[in-house]
Full PDB file with SEQRES, HELIX, SHEET, SSBOND, CRYST1, ORIGX, SCALE, CONECT and MASTER records, all heavy atoms in Angstrom:
SEQRES   1 A   36  LYS LEU GLY ASN ILE ARG SER CYS ARG ASP TYR TYR VAL          
SEQRES   2 A   36  TYR TRP ALA PHE GLU TRP ASP ALA LEU TYR VAL HIS PHE          
SEQRES   3 A   36  GLY GLY PRO PHE TYR ILE ASP GLU VAL ILE                      
HELIX    1 AA1 ASP A   10  PHE A   17  1                                   8    
HELIX    2 AA2 PHE A   30  ILE A   32  5                                   3    
CRYST1    1.000    1.000    1.000  90.00  90.00  90.00 P 1           1          
ORIGX1      1.000000  0.000000  0.000000        0.00000                         
ORIGX2      0.000000  1.000000  0.000000        0.00000                         
ORIGX3      0.000000  0.000000  1.000000        0.00000                         
SCALE1      1.000000  0.000000  0.000000        0.00000                         
SCALE2      0.000000  1.000000  0.000000        0.00000                         
SCALE3      0.000000  0.000000  1.000000        0.00000                         
ATOM      1  N   LYS A   1     -16.364 -22.033 -19.540  1.00  0.00           N  
ATOM      2  CA  LYS A   1     -16.589 -22.594 -18.214  1.00  0.00           C  
ATOM      3  C   LYS A   1     -15.304 -22.484 -17.409  1.00  0.00           C  
ATOM      4  O   LYS A   1     -14.302 -23.104 -17.751  1.00  0.00           O  
ATOM      5  CB  LYS A   1     -17.023 -24.060 -18.321  1.00  0.00           C  
ATOM      6  CG  LYS A   1     -17.509 -24.672 -17.020  1.00  0.00           C  
ATOM      7  CD  LYS A   1     -18.020 -26.084 -17.280  1.00  0.00           C  
ATOM      8  CE  LYS A   1     -18.607 -26.709 -16.027  1.00  0.00           C  
ATOM      9  NZ  LYS A   1     -19.094 -28.090 -16.284  1.00  0.00           N  
ATOM     10  N   LEU A   2     -15.336 -21.703 -16.350  1.00  0.00           N  
ATOM     11  CA  LEU A   2     -14.177 -21.489 -15.499  1.00  0.00           C  
ATOM     12  C   LEU A   2     -14.569 -21.806 -14.054  1.00  0.00           C  
ATOM     13  O   LEU A   2     -15.537 -21.279 -13.531  1.00  0.00           O  
ATOM     14  CB  LEU A   2     -13.693 -20.037 -15.603  1.00  0.00           C  
ATOM     15  CG  LEU A   2     -13.201 -19.581 -16.981  1.00  0.00           C  
ATOM     16  CD1 LEU A   2     -13.041 -18.063 -17.007  1.00  0.00           C  
ATOM     17  CD2 LEU A   2     -11.882 -20.255 -17.341  1.00  0.00           C  
ATOM     18  N   GLY A   3     -13.797 -22.636 -13.402  1.00  0.00           N  
ATOM     19  CA  GLY A   3     -14.103 -22.984 -12.012  1.00  0.00           C  
ATOM     20  C   GLY A   3     -13.753 -24.425 -11.726  1.00  0.00           C  
ATOM     21  O   GLY A   3     -12.963 -25.013 -12.459  1.00  0.00           O  
ATOM     22  N   ASN A   4     -14.361 -25.047 -10.703  1.00  0.00           N  
ATOM     23  CA  ASN A   4     -15.381 -24.431  -9.881  1.00  0.00           C  
ATOM     24  C   ASN A   4     -14.756 -23.383  -8.967  1.00  0.00           C  
ATOM     25  O   ASN A   4     -13.559 -23.427  -8.675  1.00  0.00           O  
ATOM     26  CB  ASN A   4     -16.180 -25.468  -9.092  1.00  0.00           C  
ATOM     27  CG  ASN A   4     -15.443 -26.116  -7.946  1.00  0.00           C  
ATOM     28  OD1 ASN A   4     -14.641 -27.030  -8.155  1.00  0.00           O  
ATOM     29  ND2 ASN A   4     -15.719 -25.638  -6.726  1.00  0.00           N  
ATOM     30  N   ILE A   5     -15.576 -22.460  -8.538  1.00  0.00           N  
ATOM     31  CA  ILE A   5     -15.083 -21.283  -7.825  1.00  0.00           C  
ATOM     32  C   ILE A   5     -15.488 -21.368  -6.364  1.00  0.00           C  
ATOM     33  O   ILE A   5     -16.635 -21.681  -6.034  1.00  0.00           O  
ATOM     34  CB  ILE A   5     -15.633 -20.005  -8.491  1.00  0.00           C  
ATOM     35  CG1 ILE A   5     -15.117 -19.934  -9.938  1.00  0.00           C  
ATOM     36  CG2 ILE A   5     -15.230 -18.762  -7.710  1.00  0.00           C  
ATOM     37  CD1 ILE A   5     -15.800 -18.891 -10.781  1.00  0.00           C  
ATOM     38  N   ARG A   6     -14.515 -21.093  -5.501  1.00  0.00           N  
ATOM     39  CA  ARG A   6     -14.765 -21.140  -4.059  1.00  0.00           C  
ATOM     40  C   ARG A   6     -14.353 -19.822  -3.405  1.00  0.00           C  
ATOM     41  O   ARG A   6     -13.976 -18.854  -4.060  1.00  0.00           O  
ATOM     42  CB  ARG A   6     -14.024 -22.319  -3.424  1.00  0.00           C  
ATOM     43  CG  ARG A   6     -14.614 -23.682  -3.762  1.00  0.00           C  
ATOM     44  CD  ARG A   6     -16.017 -23.870  -3.227  1.00  0.00           C  
ATOM     45  NE  ARG A   6     -16.094 -23.801  -1.779  1.00  0.00           N  
ATOM     46  CZ  ARG A   6     -15.990 -24.852  -0.972  1.00  0.00           C  
ATOM     47  NH1 ARG A   6     -15.808 -26.067  -1.467  1.00  0.00           N  
ATOM     48  NH2 ARG A   6     -16.084 -24.713   0.347  1.00  0.00           N  
ATOM     49  N   SER A   7     -14.369 -19.802  -2.089  1.00  0.00           N  
ATOM     50  CA  SER A   7     -14.232 -18.552  -1.340  1.00  0.00           C  
ATOM     51  C   SER A   7     -12.797 -18.036  -1.287  1.00  0.00           C  
ATOM     52  O   SER A   7     -11.829 -18.766  -1.477  1.00  0.00           O  
ATOM     53  CB  SER A   7     -14.766 -18.738   0.080  1.00  0.00           C  
ATOM     54  OG  SER A   7     -14.078 -19.779   0.743  1.00  0.00           O  
ATOM     55  N   CYS A   8     -12.732 -16.764  -0.993  1.00  0.00           N  
ATOM     56  CA  CYS A   8     -11.473 -16.020  -0.937  1.00  0.00           C  
ATOM     57  C   CYS A   8     -10.757 -16.236   0.400  1.00  0.00           C  
ATOM     58  O   CYS A   8     -11.388 -16.466   1.425  1.00  0.00           O  
ATOM     59  CB  CYS A   8     -11.795 -14.536  -1.134  1.00  0.00           C  
ATOM     60  SG  CYS A   8     -10.450 -13.397  -0.794  1.00  0.00           S  
ATOM     61  N   ARG A   9      -9.437 -16.155   0.366  1.00  0.00           N  
ATOM     62  CA  ARG A   9      -8.611 -15.957   1.558  1.00  0.00           C  
ATOM     63  C   ARG A   9      -7.779 -14.712   1.286  1.00  0.00           C  
ATOM     64  O   ARG A   9      -7.249 -14.546   0.189  1.00  0.00           O  
ATOM     65  CB  ARG A   9      -7.715 -17.164   1.835  1.00  0.00           C  
ATOM     66  CG  ARG A   9      -8.457 -18.461   2.108  1.00  0.00           C  
ATOM     67  CD  ARG A   9      -9.296 -18.379   3.386  1.00  0.00           C  
ATOM     68  NE  ARG A   9     -10.007 -19.625   3.641  1.00  0.00           N  
ATOM     69  CZ  ARG A   9     -11.229 -19.895   3.197  1.00  0.00           C  
ATOM     70  NH1 ARG A   9     -11.875 -19.002   2.445  1.00  0.00           N  
ATOM     71  NH2 ARG A   9     -11.811 -21.050   3.473  1.00  0.00           N  
ATOM     72  N   ASP A  10      -7.641 -13.854   2.275  1.00  0.00           N  
ATOM     73  CA  ASP A  10      -7.098 -12.524   1.993  1.00  0.00           C  
ATOM     74  C   ASP A  10      -5.686 -12.540   1.436  1.00  0.00           C  
ATOM     75  O   ASP A  10      -5.330 -11.691   0.618  1.00  0.00           O  
ATOM     76  CB  ASP A  10      -7.174 -11.630   3.235  1.00  0.00           C  
ATOM     77  CG  ASP A  10      -6.503 -12.220   4.460  1.00  0.00           C  
ATOM     78  OD1 ASP A  10      -6.126 -13.410   4.436  1.00  0.00           O  
ATOM     79  OD2 ASP A  10      -6.362 -11.482   5.458  1.00  0.00           O  
ATOM     80  N   TYR A  11      -4.856 -13.523   1.821  1.00  0.00           N  
ATOM     81  CA  TYR A  11      -3.478 -13.512   1.337  1.00  0.00           C  
ATOM     82  C   TYR A  11      -3.401 -13.738  -0.170  1.00  0.00           C  
ATOM     83  O   TYR A  11      -2.490 -13.233  -0.829  1.00  0.00           O  
ATOM     84  CB  TYR A  11      -2.607 -14.518   2.093  1.00  0.00           C  
ATOM     85  CG  TYR A  11      -3.260 -15.804   2.545  1.00  0.00           C  
ATOM     86  CD1 TYR A  11      -3.152 -16.976   1.816  1.00  0.00           C  
ATOM     87  CD2 TYR A  11      -3.968 -15.859   3.755  1.00  0.00           C  
ATOM     88  CE1 TYR A  11      -3.724 -18.161   2.245  1.00  0.00           C  
ATOM     89  CE2 TYR A  11      -4.549 -17.044   4.200  1.00  0.00           C  
ATOM     90  CZ  TYR A  11      -4.430 -18.198   3.437  1.00  0.00           C  
ATOM     91  OH  TYR A  11      -5.003 -19.365   3.874  1.00  0.00           O  
ATOM     92  N   TYR A  12      -4.363 -14.462  -0.729  1.00  0.00           N  
ATOM     93  CA  TYR A  12      -4.368 -14.640  -2.182  1.00  0.00           C  
ATOM     94  C   TYR A  12      -4.598 -13.319  -2.913  1.00  0.00           C  
ATOM     95  O   TYR A  12      -4.111 -13.125  -4.027  1.00  0.00           O  
ATOM     96  CB  TYR A  12      -5.458 -15.625  -2.588  1.00  0.00           C  
ATOM     97  CG  TYR A  12      -5.159 -17.070  -2.259  1.00  0.00           C  
ATOM     98  CD1 TYR A  12      -5.621 -17.647  -1.082  1.00  0.00           C  
ATOM     99  CD2 TYR A  12      -4.426 -17.870  -3.128  1.00  0.00           C  
ATOM    100  CE1 TYR A  12      -5.355 -18.973  -0.781  1.00  0.00           C  
ATOM    101  CE2 TYR A  12      -4.156 -19.194  -2.844  1.00  0.00           C  
ATOM    102  CZ  TYR A  12      -4.623 -19.747  -1.657  1.00  0.00           C  
ATOM    103  OH  TYR A  12      -4.358 -21.054  -1.368  1.00  0.00           O  
ATOM    104  N   VAL A  13      -5.350 -12.429  -2.306  1.00  0.00           N  
ATOM    105  CA  VAL A  13      -5.644 -11.154  -2.969  1.00  0.00           C  
ATOM    106  C   VAL A  13      -4.359 -10.357  -3.187  1.00  0.00           C  
ATOM    107  O   VAL A  13      -4.193  -9.695  -4.214  1.00  0.00           O  
ATOM    108  CB  VAL A  13      -6.659 -10.332  -2.152  1.00  0.00           C  
ATOM    109  CG1 VAL A  13      -6.960  -9.012  -2.854  1.00  0.00           C  
ATOM    110  CG2 VAL A  13      -7.946 -11.129  -1.948  1.00  0.00           C  
ATOM    111  N   TYR A  14      -3.434 -10.445  -2.237  1.00  0.00           N  
ATOM    112  CA  TYR A  14      -2.178  -9.711  -2.390  1.00  0.00           C  
ATOM    113  C   TYR A  14      -1.349 -10.256  -3.544  1.00  0.00           C  
ATOM    114  O   TYR A  14      -0.617  -9.515  -4.205  1.00  0.00           O  
ATOM    115  CB  TYR A  14      -1.386  -9.745  -1.086  1.00  0.00           C  
ATOM    116  CG  TYR A  14      -2.005  -8.881  -0.015  1.00  0.00           C  
ATOM    117  CD1 TYR A  14      -2.935  -9.409   0.874  1.00  0.00           C  
ATOM    118  CD2 TYR A  14      -1.686  -7.533   0.083  1.00  0.00           C  
ATOM    119  CE1 TYR A  14      -3.523  -8.614   1.848  1.00  0.00           C  
ATOM    120  CE2 TYR A  14      -2.271  -6.732   1.048  1.00  0.00           C  
ATOM    121  CZ  TYR A  14      -3.188  -7.282   1.927  1.00  0.00           C  
ATOM    122  OH  TYR A  14      -3.788  -6.499   2.883  1.00  0.00           O  
ATOM    123  N   TRP A  15      -1.443 -11.553  -3.789  1.00  0.00           N  
ATOM    124  CA  TRP A  15      -0.747 -12.106  -4.959  1.00  0.00           C  
ATOM    125  C   TRP A  15      -1.470 -11.730  -6.241  1.00  0.00           C  
ATOM    126  O   TRP A  15      -0.830 -11.493  -7.266  1.00  0.00           O  
ATOM    127  CB  TRP A  15      -0.617 -13.627  -4.805  1.00  0.00           C  
ATOM    128  CG  TRP A  15       0.165 -14.003  -3.579  1.00  0.00           C  
ATOM    129  CD1 TRP A  15       1.293 -13.383  -3.087  1.00  0.00           C  
ATOM    130  CD2 TRP A  15      -0.139 -15.045  -2.640  1.00  0.00           C  
ATOM    131  NE1 TRP A  15       1.699 -13.984  -1.921  1.00  0.00           N  
ATOM    132  CE2 TRP A  15       0.858 -15.016  -1.616  1.00  0.00           C  
ATOM    133  CE3 TRP A  15      -1.128 -16.015  -2.561  1.00  0.00           C  
ATOM    134  CZ2 TRP A  15       0.861 -15.905  -0.547  1.00  0.00           C  
ATOM    135  CZ3 TRP A  15      -1.120 -16.912  -1.499  1.00  0.00           C  
ATOM    136  CH2 TRP A  15      -0.132 -16.847  -0.505  1.00  0.00           C  
ATOM    137  N   ALA A  16      -2.792 -11.617  -6.198  1.00  0.00           N  
ATOM    138  CA  ALA A  16      -3.544 -11.168  -7.378  1.00  0.00           C  
ATOM    139  C   ALA A  16      -3.234  -9.706  -7.708  1.00  0.00           C  
ATOM    140  O   ALA A  16      -3.227  -9.318  -8.882  1.00  0.00           O  
ATOM    141  CB  ALA A  16      -5.043 -11.357  -7.149  1.00  0.00           C  
ATOM    142  N   PHE A  17      -3.023  -8.881  -6.668  1.00  0.00           N  
ATOM    143  CA  PHE A  17      -2.666  -7.482  -6.881  1.00  0.00           C  
ATOM    144  C   PHE A  17      -1.505  -7.351  -7.866  1.00  0.00           C  
ATOM    145  O   PHE A  17      -1.474  -6.431  -8.691  1.00  0.00           O  
ATOM    146  CB  PHE A  17      -2.222  -6.841  -5.560  1.00  0.00           C  
ATOM    147  CG  PHE A  17      -3.343  -6.297  -4.704  1.00  0.00           C  
ATOM    148  CD1 PHE A  17      -3.196  -6.250  -3.319  1.00  0.00           C  
ATOM    149  CD2 PHE A  17      -4.507  -5.810  -5.249  1.00  0.00           C  
ATOM    150  CE1 PHE A  17      -4.192  -5.740  -2.508  1.00  0.00           C  
ATOM    151  CE2 PHE A  17      -5.521  -5.303  -4.453  1.00  0.00           C  
ATOM    152  CZ  PHE A  17      -5.360  -5.270  -3.076  1.00  0.00           C  
ATOM    153  N   GLU A  18      -0.520  -8.243  -7.759  1.00  0.00           N  
ATOM    154  CA  GLU A  18       0.717  -8.117  -8.539  1.00  0.00           C  
ATOM    155  C   GLU A  18       0.475  -8.130 -10.044  1.00  0.00           C  
ATOM    156  O   GLU A  18       1.291  -7.637 -10.815  1.00  0.00           O  
ATOM    157  CB  GLU A  18       1.674  -9.258  -8.202  1.00  0.00           C  
ATOM    158  CG  GLU A  18       2.087  -9.318  -6.750  1.00  0.00           C  
ATOM    159  CD  GLU A  18       3.146 -10.376  -6.488  1.00  0.00           C  
ATOM    160  OE1 GLU A  18       3.737 -10.881  -7.473  1.00  0.00           O  
ATOM    161  OE2 GLU A  18       3.386 -10.687  -5.317  1.00  0.00           O  
ATOM    162  N   TRP A  19      -0.640  -8.726 -10.451  1.00  0.00           N  
ATOM    163  CA  TRP A  19      -0.928  -8.871 -11.875  1.00  0.00           C  
ATOM    164  C   TRP A  19      -2.004  -7.898 -12.344  1.00  0.00           C  
ATOM    165  O   TRP A  19      -2.417  -7.956 -13.504  1.00  0.00           O  
ATOM    166  CB  TRP A  19      -1.375 -10.304 -12.151  1.00  0.00           C  
ATOM    167  CG  TRP A  19      -0.372 -11.318 -11.697  1.00  0.00           C  
ATOM    168  CD1 TRP A  19      -0.397 -12.071 -10.550  1.00  0.00           C  
ATOM    169  CD2 TRP A  19       0.836 -11.687 -12.363  1.00  0.00           C  
ATOM    170  NE1 TRP A  19       0.697 -12.883 -10.467  1.00  0.00           N  
ATOM    171  CE2 TRP A  19       1.481 -12.658 -11.573  1.00  0.00           C  
ATOM    172  CE3 TRP A  19       1.434 -11.288 -13.561  1.00  0.00           C  
ATOM    173  CZ2 TRP A  19       2.695 -13.242 -11.944  1.00  0.00           C  
ATOM    174  CZ3 TRP A  19       2.641 -11.864 -13.924  1.00  0.00           C  
ATOM    175  CH2 TRP A  19       3.254 -12.835 -13.121  1.00  0.00           C  
ATOM    176  N   ASP A  20      -2.489  -7.023 -11.463  1.00  0.00           N  
ATOM    177  CA  ASP A  20      -3.640  -6.157 -11.749  1.00  0.00           C  
ATOM    178  C   ASP A  20      -4.804  -7.000 -12.250  1.00  0.00           C  
ATOM    179  O   ASP A  20      -5.498  -6.673 -13.215  1.00  0.00           O  
ATOM    180  CB  ASP A  20      -3.275  -5.079 -12.776  1.00  0.00           C  
ATOM    181  CG  ASP A  20      -4.363  -3.993 -12.888  1.00  0.00           C  
ATOM    182  OD1 ASP A  20      -5.129  -3.827 -11.916  1.00  0.00           O  
ATOM    183  OD2 ASP A  20      -4.438  -3.346 -13.946  1.00  0.00           O  
ATOM    184  N   ALA A  21      -5.016  -8.133 -11.571  1.00  0.00           N  
ATOM    185  CA  ALA A  21      -6.009  -9.107 -12.019  1.00  0.00           C  
ATOM    186  C   ALA A  21      -7.405  -8.760 -11.517  1.00  0.00           C  
ATOM    187  O   ALA A  21      -7.574  -8.125 -10.476  1.00  0.00           O  
ATOM    188  CB  ALA A  21      -5.624 -10.504 -11.521  1.00  0.00           C  
ATOM    189  N   LEU A  22      -8.402  -9.203 -12.268  1.00  0.00           N  
ATOM    190  CA  LEU A  22      -9.791  -9.189 -11.808  1.00  0.00           C  
ATOM    191  C   LEU A  22      -9.978 -10.448 -10.965  1.00  0.00           C  
ATOM    192  O   LEU A  22      -9.842 -11.570 -11.469  1.00  0.00           O  
ATOM    193  CB  LEU A  22     -10.738  -9.187 -13.002  1.00  0.00           C  
ATOM    194  CG  LEU A  22     -10.652  -7.966 -13.918  1.00  0.00           C  
ATOM    195  CD1 LEU A  22     -11.283  -8.273 -15.273  1.00  0.00           C  
ATOM    196  CD2 LEU A  22     -11.320  -6.759 -13.272  1.00  0.00           C  
ATOM    197  N   TYR A  23     -10.290 -10.271  -9.692  1.00  0.00           N  
ATOM    198  CA  TYR A  23     -10.303 -11.381  -8.742  1.00  0.00           C  
ATOM    199  C   TYR A  23     -11.690 -12.021  -8.697  1.00  0.00           C  
ATOM    200  O   TYR A  23     -12.694 -11.343  -8.428  1.00  0.00           O  
ATOM    201  CB  TYR A  23      -9.895 -10.859  -7.361  1.00  0.00           C  
ATOM    202  CG  TYR A  23      -9.686 -11.920  -6.315  1.00  0.00           C  
ATOM    203  CD1 TYR A  23      -8.482 -12.617  -6.252  1.00  0.00           C  
ATOM    204  CD2 TYR A  23     -10.678 -12.226  -5.392  1.00  0.00           C  
ATOM    205  CE1 TYR A  23      -8.276 -13.590  -5.282  1.00  0.00           C  
ATOM    206  CE2 TYR A  23     -10.484 -13.192  -4.427  1.00  0.00           C  
ATOM    207  CZ  TYR A  23      -9.279 -13.875  -4.376  1.00  0.00           C  
ATOM    208  OH  TYR A  23      -9.087 -14.845  -3.431  1.00  0.00           O  
ATOM    209  N   VAL A  24     -11.763 -13.328  -8.972  1.00  0.00           N  
ATOM    210  CA  VAL A  24     -13.033 -14.047  -9.064  1.00  0.00           C  
ATOM    211  C   VAL A  24     -13.127 -15.040  -7.908  1.00  0.00           C  
ATOM    212  O   VAL A  24     -12.266 -15.919  -7.765  1.00  0.00           O  
ATOM    213  CB  VAL A  24     -13.155 -14.780 -10.415  1.00  0.00           C  
ATOM    214  CG1 VAL A  24     -14.516 -15.459 -10.532  1.00  0.00           C  
ATOM    215  CG2 VAL A  24     -12.921 -13.822 -11.578  1.00  0.00           C  
ATOM    216  N   HIS A  25     -14.180 -14.926  -7.089  1.00  0.00           N  
ATOM    217  CA  HIS A  25     -14.306 -15.768  -5.896  1.00  0.00           C  
ATOM    218  C   HIS A  25     -15.777 -15.940  -5.558  1.00  0.00           C  
ATOM    219  O   HIS A  25     -16.665 -15.369  -6.198  1.00  0.00           O  
ATOM    220  CB  HIS A  25     -13.568 -15.138  -4.716  1.00  0.00           C  
ATOM    221  CG  HIS A  25     -14.173 -13.841  -4.249  1.00  0.00           C  
ATOM    222  ND1 HIS A  25     -14.847 -13.704  -3.055  1.00  0.00           N  
ATOM    223  CD2 HIS A  25     -14.219 -12.613  -4.839  1.00  0.00           C  
ATOM    224  CE1 HIS A  25     -15.268 -12.458  -2.913  1.00  0.00           C  
ATOM    225  NE2 HIS A  25     -14.905 -11.781  -3.987  1.00  0.00           N  
ATOM    226  N   PHE A  26     -16.030 -16.738  -4.507  1.00  0.00           N  
ATOM    227  CA  PHE A  26     -17.406 -16.955  -4.057  1.00  0.00           C  
ATOM    228  C   PHE A  26     -17.434 -16.727  -2.548  1.00  0.00           C  
ATOM    229  O   PHE A  26     -17.343 -17.646  -1.756  1.00  0.00           O  
ATOM    230  CB  PHE A  26     -17.875 -18.377  -4.401  1.00  0.00           C  
ATOM    231  CG  PHE A  26     -19.365 -18.502  -4.536  1.00  0.00           C  
ATOM    232  CD1 PHE A  26     -19.953 -18.638  -5.785  1.00  0.00           C  
ATOM    233  CD2 PHE A  26     -20.187 -18.466  -3.420  1.00  0.00           C  
ATOM    234  CE1 PHE A  26     -21.331 -18.747  -5.925  1.00  0.00           C  
ATOM    235  CE2 PHE A  26     -21.562 -18.565  -3.548  1.00  0.00           C  
ATOM    236  CZ  PHE A  26     -22.144 -18.704  -4.804  1.00  0.00           C  
ATOM    237  N   GLY A  27     -17.540 -15.444  -2.172  1.00  0.00           N  
ATOM    238  CA  GLY A  27     -17.591 -15.085  -0.761  1.00  0.00           C  
ATOM    239  C   GLY A  27     -16.252 -15.273  -0.063  1.00  0.00           C  
ATOM    240  O   GLY A  27     -15.186 -15.286  -0.689  1.00  0.00           O  
ATOM    241  N   GLY A  28     -16.319 -15.440   1.272  1.00  0.00           N  
ATOM    242  CA  GLY A  28     -15.123 -15.617   2.086  1.00  0.00           C  
ATOM    243  C   GLY A  28     -15.373 -15.170   3.508  1.00  0.00           C  
ATOM    244  O   GLY A  28     -16.366 -14.486   3.799  1.00  0.00           O  
ATOM    245  N   PRO A  29     -14.489 -15.520   4.450  1.00  0.00           N  
ATOM    246  CA  PRO A  29     -14.650 -15.127   5.848  1.00  0.00           C  
ATOM    247  C   PRO A  29     -14.463 -13.624   6.026  1.00  0.00           C  
ATOM    248  O   PRO A  29     -13.944 -12.938   5.132  1.00  0.00           O  
ATOM    249  CB  PRO A  29     -13.555 -15.910   6.562  1.00  0.00           C  
ATOM    250  CG  PRO A  29     -12.514 -16.124   5.517  1.00  0.00           C  
ATOM    251  CD  PRO A  29     -13.253 -16.291   4.229  1.00  0.00           C  
ATOM    252  N   PHE A  30     -14.844 -13.102   7.189  1.00  0.00           N  
ATOM    253  CA  PHE A  30     -14.792 -11.662   7.401  1.00  0.00           C  
ATOM    254  C   PHE A  30     -13.372 -11.116   7.351  1.00  0.00           C  
ATOM    255  O   PHE A  30     -13.174  -9.908   7.189  1.00  0.00           O  
ATOM    256  CB  PHE A  30     -15.445 -11.286   8.742  1.00  0.00           C  
ATOM    257  CG  PHE A  30     -14.659 -11.667   9.954  1.00  0.00           C  
ATOM    258  CD1 PHE A  30     -13.729 -10.797  10.503  1.00  0.00           C  
ATOM    259  CD2 PHE A  30     -14.831 -12.920  10.556  1.00  0.00           C  
ATOM    260  CE1 PHE A  30     -12.994 -11.136  11.627  1.00  0.00           C  
ATOM    261  CE2 PHE A  30     -14.105 -13.268  11.678  1.00  0.00           C  
ATOM    262  CZ  PHE A  30     -13.180 -12.384  12.213  1.00  0.00           C  
ATOM    263  N   TYR A  31     -12.371 -11.971   7.449  1.00  0.00           N  
ATOM    264  CA  TYR A  31     -10.980 -11.512   7.375  1.00  0.00           C  
ATOM    265  C   TYR A  31     -10.660 -10.859   6.028  1.00  0.00           C  
ATOM    266  O   TYR A  31      -9.692 -10.107   5.918  1.00  0.00           O  
ATOM    267  CB  TYR A  31     -10.021 -12.681   7.590  1.00  0.00           C  
ATOM    268  CG  TYR A  31     -10.074 -13.290   8.975  1.00  0.00           C  
ATOM    269  CD1 TYR A  31     -10.541 -14.588   9.154  1.00  0.00           C  
ATOM    270  CD2 TYR A  31      -9.649 -12.579  10.091  1.00  0.00           C  
ATOM    271  CE1 TYR A  31     -10.590 -15.166  10.418  1.00  0.00           C  
ATOM    272  CE2 TYR A  31      -9.703 -13.138  11.362  1.00  0.00           C  
ATOM    273  CZ  TYR A  31     -10.170 -14.433  11.531  1.00  0.00           C  
ATOM    274  OH  TYR A  31     -10.215 -14.993  12.781  1.00  0.00           O  
ATOM    275  N   ILE A  32     -11.459 -11.139   5.009  1.00  0.00           N  
ATOM    276  CA  ILE A  32     -11.164 -10.593   3.685  1.00  0.00           C  
ATOM    277  C   ILE A  32     -11.726  -9.191   3.491  1.00  0.00           C  
ATOM    278  O   ILE A  32     -11.395  -8.526   2.506  1.00  0.00           O  
ATOM    279  CB  ILE A  32     -11.723 -11.503   2.574  1.00  0.00           C  
ATOM    280  CG1 ILE A  32     -13.252 -11.384   2.493  1.00  0.00           C  
ATOM    281  CG2 ILE A  32     -11.293 -12.943   2.772  1.00  0.00           C  
ATOM    282  CD1 ILE A  32     -13.862 -12.061   1.281  1.00  0.00           C  
ATOM    283  N   ASP A  33     -12.584  -8.722   4.395  1.00  0.00           N  
ATOM    284  CA  ASP A  33     -13.400  -7.536   4.127  1.00  0.00           C  
ATOM    285  C   ASP A  33     -12.585  -6.316   3.716  1.00  0.00           C  
ATOM    286  O   ASP A  33     -12.933  -5.615   2.749  1.00  0.00           O  
ATOM    287  CB  ASP A  33     -14.260  -7.198   5.352  1.00  0.00           C  
ATOM    288  CG  ASP A  33     -15.359  -8.222   5.595  1.00  0.00           C  
ATOM    289  OD1 ASP A  33     -15.560  -9.088   4.705  1.00  0.00           O  
ATOM    290  OD2 ASP A  33     -15.998  -8.172   6.663  1.00  0.00           O  
ATOM    291  N   GLU A  34     -11.510  -6.037   4.428  1.00  0.00           N  
ATOM    292  CA  GLU A  34     -10.748  -4.819   4.138  1.00  0.00           C  
ATOM    293  C   GLU A  34     -10.038  -4.909   2.799  1.00  0.00           C  
ATOM    294  O   GLU A  34     -10.153  -4.009   1.950  1.00  0.00           O  
ATOM    295  CB  GLU A  34      -9.738  -4.546   5.252  1.00  0.00           C  
ATOM    296  CG  GLU A  34      -9.077  -3.158   5.174  1.00  0.00           C  
ATOM    297  CD  GLU A  34      -7.904  -3.113   4.208  1.00  0.00           C  
ATOM    298  OE1 GLU A  34      -7.237  -4.163   4.028  1.00  0.00           O  
ATOM    299  OE2 GLU A  34      -7.656  -2.046   3.617  1.00  0.00           O  
ATOM    300  N   VAL A  35      -9.334  -5.997   2.567  1.00  0.00           N  
ATOM    301  CA  VAL A  35      -8.523  -6.080   1.349  1.00  0.00           C  
ATOM    302  C   VAL A  35      -9.394  -6.271   0.108  1.00  0.00           C  
ATOM    303  O   VAL A  35      -9.083  -5.742  -0.961  1.00  0.00           O  
ATOM    304  CB  VAL A  35      -7.462  -7.196   1.464  1.00  0.00           C  
ATOM    305  CG1 VAL A  35      -8.097  -8.578   1.471  1.00  0.00           C  
ATOM    306  CG2 VAL A  35      -6.434  -7.085   0.347  1.00  0.00           C  
ATOM    307  N   ILE A  36     -10.510  -6.980   0.230  1.00  0.00           N  
ATOM    308  CA  ILE A  36     -11.349  -7.208  -0.938  1.00  0.00           C  
ATOM    309  C   ILE A  36     -12.026  -5.916  -1.381  1.00  0.00           C  
ATOM    310  O   ILE A  36     -12.354  -5.739  -2.554  1.00  0.00           O  
ATOM    311  CB  ILE A  36     -12.397  -8.312  -0.655  1.00  0.00           C  
ATOM    312  CG1 ILE A  36     -12.823  -8.977  -1.975  1.00  0.00           C  
ATOM    313  CG2 ILE A  36     -13.599  -7.767   0.085  1.00  0.00           C  
ATOM    314  CD1 ILE A  36     -11.760  -9.829  -2.607  1.00  0.00           C  
TER     315      ILE A  36                                                      
MASTER        0    0    0    2    0    0    0    6  314    1    0    3          
END                                                                             
């Protein structure tokens, strides 16, 4: 059981990039579209 899981914000994705991580989220605003 991992969570609870909520929506993405694009700046977090750039920090996830650093670890080559699999990014787990639940949707997000349209600002995330390009980076996600």
